C-alpha atoms as a PDB file:
ATOM      1  CA  MET A   1    -127.730 -48.921 127.278  1.00  0.00           C
ATOM      2  CA  ASN A   2    -130.446 -51.557 127.045  1.00  0.00           C
ATOM      3  CA  VAL A   3    -131.870 -51.176 123.535  1.00  0.00           C
ATOM      4  CA  ASN A   4    -133.084 -53.809 121.099  1.00  0.00           C
ATOM      5  CA  TRP A   5    -131.561 -52.774 117.781  1.00  0.00           C
ATOM      6  CA  ASP A   6    -133.480 -53.886 114.690  1.00  0.00           C
ATOM      7  CA  GLY A   7    -130.788 -53.660 112.023  1.00  0.00           C
ATOM      8  CA  LEU A   8    -128.367 -51.552 110.063  1.00  0.00           C
ATOM      9  CA  ILE A   9    -128.647 -49.465 106.886  1.00  0.00           C
ATOM     10  CA  THR A  10    -125.647 -47.708 105.389  1.00  0.00           C
ATOM     11  CA  PHE A  11    -126.511 -44.976 102.871  1.00  0.00           C
ATOM     12  CA  PHE A  12    -124.460 -43.811  99.908  1.00  0.00           C
ATOM     13  CA  GLY A  13    -125.041 -41.141  97.301  1.00  0.00           C
ATOM     14  CA  THR A  14    -125.970 -41.891  93.700  1.00  0.00           C
ATOM     15  CA  VAL A  15    -126.686 -39.882  90.568  1.00  0.00           C
ATOM     16  CA  ASP A  16    -128.571 -42.725  88.860  1.00  0.00           C
ATOM     17  CA  LEU A  17    -130.955 -44.810  90.958  1.00  0.00           C
ATOM     18  CA  LYS A  18    -131.943 -46.939  87.939  1.00  0.00           C
ATOM     19  CA  LYS A  19    -128.366 -48.023  87.104  1.00  0.00           C
ATOM     20  CA  THR A  20    -127.702 -48.599  90.790  1.00  0.00           C
ATOM     21  CA  GLN A  21    -130.791 -50.807  91.031  1.00  0.00           C
ATOM     22  CA  GLU A  22    -129.742 -52.772  87.932  1.00  0.00           C
ATOM     23  CA  PHE A  23    -126.340 -53.473  89.522  1.00  0.00           C
ATOM     24  CA  TYR A  24    -127.489 -54.431  93.007  1.00  0.00           C
ATOM     25  CA  THR A  25    -130.598 -56.401  91.999  1.00  0.00           C
ATOM     26  CA  GLY A  26    -129.685 -57.614  88.525  1.00  0.00           C
ATOM     27  CA  PHE A  27    -126.017 -58.437  88.994  1.00  0.00           C
ATOM     28  CA  LEU A  28    -125.668 -59.124  92.719  1.00  0.00           C
ATOM     29  CA  GLY A  29    -129.190 -60.471  93.250  1.00  0.00           C
ATOM     30  CA  PHE A  30    -130.162 -58.324  96.231  1.00  0.00           C
ATOM     31  CA  SER A  31    -133.834 -57.496  96.680  1.00  0.00           C
ATOM     32  CA  LEU A  32    -135.118 -53.939  96.667  1.00  0.00           C
ATOM     33  CA  GLU A  33    -136.743 -53.712 100.074  1.00  0.00           C
ATOM     34  CA  LYS A  34    -137.981 -50.138  99.993  1.00  0.00           C
ATOM     35  CA  ASP A  35    -138.230 -47.497  97.272  1.00  0.00           C
ATOM     36  CA  GLN A  36    -138.655 -44.066  98.825  1.00  0.00           C
ATOM     37  CA  GLY A  37    -138.409 -42.111  95.574  1.00  0.00           C
ATOM     38  CA  LYS A  38    -135.096 -40.387  96.278  1.00  0.00           C
ATOM     39  CA  CYS A  39    -133.720 -43.408  98.179  1.00  0.00           C
ATOM     40  CA  GLN A  40    -133.718 -47.133  97.512  1.00  0.00           C
ATOM     41  CA  ILE A  41    -132.890 -49.666 100.213  1.00  0.00           C
ATOM     42  CA  TYR A  42    -131.654 -53.175  99.424  1.00  0.00           C
ATOM     43  CA  ALA A  43    -131.714 -56.153 101.781  1.00  0.00           C
ATOM     44  CA  ILE A  44    -128.421 -57.997 102.065  1.00  0.00           C
ATOM     45  CA  PRO A  45    -128.840 -61.755 102.509  1.00  0.00           C
ATOM     46  CA  GLY A  46    -127.299 -62.689 105.825  1.00  0.00           C
ATOM     47  CA  GLY A  47    -128.163 -59.353 107.417  1.00  0.00           C
ATOM     48  CA  GLY A  48    -127.977 -55.618 107.018  1.00  0.00           C
ATOM     49  CA  LYS A  49    -129.186 -53.225 104.376  1.00  0.00           C
ATOM     50  CA  ILE A  50    -127.587 -50.797 101.962  1.00  0.00           C
ATOM     51  CA  GLY A  51    -129.268 -47.685 100.650  1.00  0.00           C
ATOM     52  CA  PHE A  52    -128.585 -45.288  97.804  1.00  0.00           C
ATOM     53  CA  CYS A  53    -130.037 -41.788  97.664  1.00  0.00           C
ATOM     54  CA  SER A  54    -130.090 -39.281  94.834  1.00  0.00           C
ATOM     55  CA  HIS A  55    -130.004 -36.321  97.235  1.00  0.00           C
ATOM     56  CA  ILE A  56    -126.722 -37.472  98.844  1.00  0.00           C
ATOM     57  CA  GLN A  57    -123.458 -36.555  97.153  1.00  0.00           C
ATOM     58  CA  VAL A  58    -121.486 -39.420  95.615  1.00  0.00           C
ATOM     59  CA  ASN A  59    -118.297 -39.672  97.633  1.00  0.00           C
ATOM     60  CA  ALA A  60    -116.378 -42.334  95.722  1.00  0.00           C
ATOM     61  CA  HIS A  61    -112.605 -42.137  95.495  1.00  0.00           C
ATOM     62  CA  PRO A  62    -110.167 -44.802  94.295  1.00  0.00           C
ATOM     63  CA  GLY A  63    -110.250 -47.478  96.983  1.00  0.00           C
ATOM     64  CA  SER A  64    -112.536 -45.577  99.351  1.00  0.00           C
ATOM     65  CA  PRO A  65    -115.085 -46.344 100.548  1.00  0.00           C
ATOM     66  CA  ILE A  66    -115.069 -50.099 100.077  1.00  0.00           C
ATOM     67  CA  ILE A  67    -118.441 -51.829 100.195  1.00  0.00           C
ATOM     68  CA  THR A  68    -117.694 -55.443 101.128  1.00  0.00           C
ATOM     69  CA  PHE A  69    -120.084 -58.353 100.734  1.00  0.00           C
ATOM     70  CA  ILE A  70    -119.186 -61.669 102.364  1.00  0.00           C
ATOM     71  CA  THR A  71    -119.784 -65.023 100.677  1.00  0.00           C
ATOM     72  CA  ASN A  72    -118.087 -68.405 100.534  1.00  0.00           C
ATOM     73  CA  GLU A  73    -118.917 -68.437  96.809  1.00  0.00           C
ATOM     74  CA  VAL A  74    -116.410 -65.790  95.661  1.00  0.00           C
ATOM     75  CA  ASP A  75    -115.451 -67.707  92.504  1.00  0.00           C
ATOM     76  CA  GLN A  76    -119.085 -68.263  91.546  1.00  0.00           C
ATOM     77  CA  VAL A  77    -119.888 -64.547  91.934  1.00  0.00           C
ATOM     78  CA  TYR A  78    -116.798 -63.655  89.899  1.00  0.00           C
ATOM     79  CA  GLU A  79    -117.728 -66.034  87.060  1.00  0.00           C
ATOM     80  CA  ASP A  80    -121.335 -64.856  87.064  1.00  0.00           C
ATOM     81  CA  LEU A  81    -120.326 -61.188  86.821  1.00  0.00           C
ATOM     82  CA  ILE A  82    -117.820 -61.911  84.026  1.00  0.00           C
ATOM     83  CA  ASN A  83    -120.411 -63.973  82.121  1.00  0.00           C
ATOM     84  CA  ARG A  84    -122.840 -61.043  82.376  1.00  0.00           C
ATOM     85  CA  GLY A  85    -120.319 -58.738  80.739  1.00  0.00           C
ATOM     86  CA  LEU A  86    -119.014 -56.809  83.723  1.00  0.00           C
ATOM     87  CA  ILE A  87    -115.356 -55.874  83.756  1.00  0.00           C
ATOM     88  CA  VAL A  88    -113.378 -57.072  86.754  1.00  0.00           C
ATOM     89  CA  GLN A  89    -109.772 -55.882  86.820  1.00  0.00           C
ATOM     90  CA  LYS A  90    -108.281 -58.902  88.608  1.00  0.00           C
ATOM     91  CA  LYS A  91    -109.341 -62.472  89.295  1.00  0.00           C
ATOM     92  CA  PRO A  92    -110.085 -63.463  92.879  1.00  0.00           C
ATOM     93  CA  GLU A  93    -106.939 -63.854  94.926  1.00  0.00           C
ATOM     94  CA  LYS A  94    -105.738 -64.636  98.414  1.00  0.00           C
ATOM     95  CA  ASN A  95    -104.650 -61.757 100.608  1.00  0.00           C
ATOM     96  CA  PRO A  96    -102.279 -63.318 103.157  1.00  0.00           C
ATOM     97  CA  TYR A  97    -102.142 -60.219 105.326  1.00  0.00           C
ATOM     98  CA  PHE A  98    -105.908 -60.141 106.022  1.00  0.00           C
ATOM     99  CA  HIS A  99    -106.431 -63.902 105.525  1.00  0.00           C
ATOM    100  CA  ILE A 100    -109.140 -63.384 102.919  1.00  0.00           C
ATOM    101  CA  TYR A 101    -109.946 -64.456  99.359  1.00  0.00           C
ATOM    102  CA  HIS A 102    -111.459 -61.620  97.331  1.00  0.00           C
ATOM    103  CA  PHE A 103    -111.844 -59.455  94.248  1.00  0.00           C
ATOM    104  CA  PHE A 104    -112.987 -55.909  93.533  1.00  0.00           C
ATOM    105  CA  ILE A 105    -115.429 -54.376  91.060  1.00  0.00           C
ATOM    106  CA  GLN A 106    -116.780 -50.859  90.592  1.00  0.00           C
ATOM    107  CA  ASP A 107    -120.500 -50.172  90.959  1.00  0.00           C
ATOM    108  CA  PRO A 108    -122.210 -47.621  88.655  1.00  0.00           C
ATOM    109  CA  ASN A 109    -121.496 -44.833  91.159  1.00  0.00           C
ATOM    110  CA  GLY A 110    -117.745 -45.486  91.221  1.00  0.00           C
ATOM    111  CA  TYR A 111    -117.793 -47.143  94.625  1.00  0.00           C
ATOM    112  CA  THR A 112    -115.376 -50.030  95.118  1.00  0.00           C
ATOM    113  CA  VAL A 113    -117.305 -53.226  95.797  1.00  0.00           C
ATOM    114  CA  GLU A 114    -115.379 -56.128  97.305  1.00  0.00           C
ATOM    115  CA  ILE A 115    -116.582 -59.711  97.207  1.00  0.00           C
ATOM    116  CA  GLN A 116    -114.715 -61.729  99.843  1.00  0.00           C
ATOM    117  CA  LYS A 117    -114.584 -64.693 102.142  1.00  0.00           C
ATOM    118  CA  PHE A 118    -112.540 -65.160 105.293  1.00  0.00           C
ATOM    119  CA  LEU A 119    -109.940 -67.917 105.156  1.00  0.00           C
ATOM    120  CA  GLU A 120    -109.811 -68.405 108.925  1.00  0.00           C
END
């Protein structure tokens, strides 16, 4: 197939677009690229997009799905989130099996958000 792809958007369900926007723009610093009323799409620095829609069912279970954002500044993100009053269960740590440094937080929808960097 010879197609020029223009990007990627992954959509998730939400029951509260406003709280979702506060988390992804206010806490993580992503920009709201498109507000379609029932769906909001955020640009992820470095590439890709993530969308949340009020007409899609929230499908968050403990540990699944995991929305992972990659940065070399894991500790800085952790400190910033803590200083803004968010609760993070564990400090960033190395995972020797996957060769990553990471931590997890829950977004307002109950999705597990991972902030990580690759160690190799």
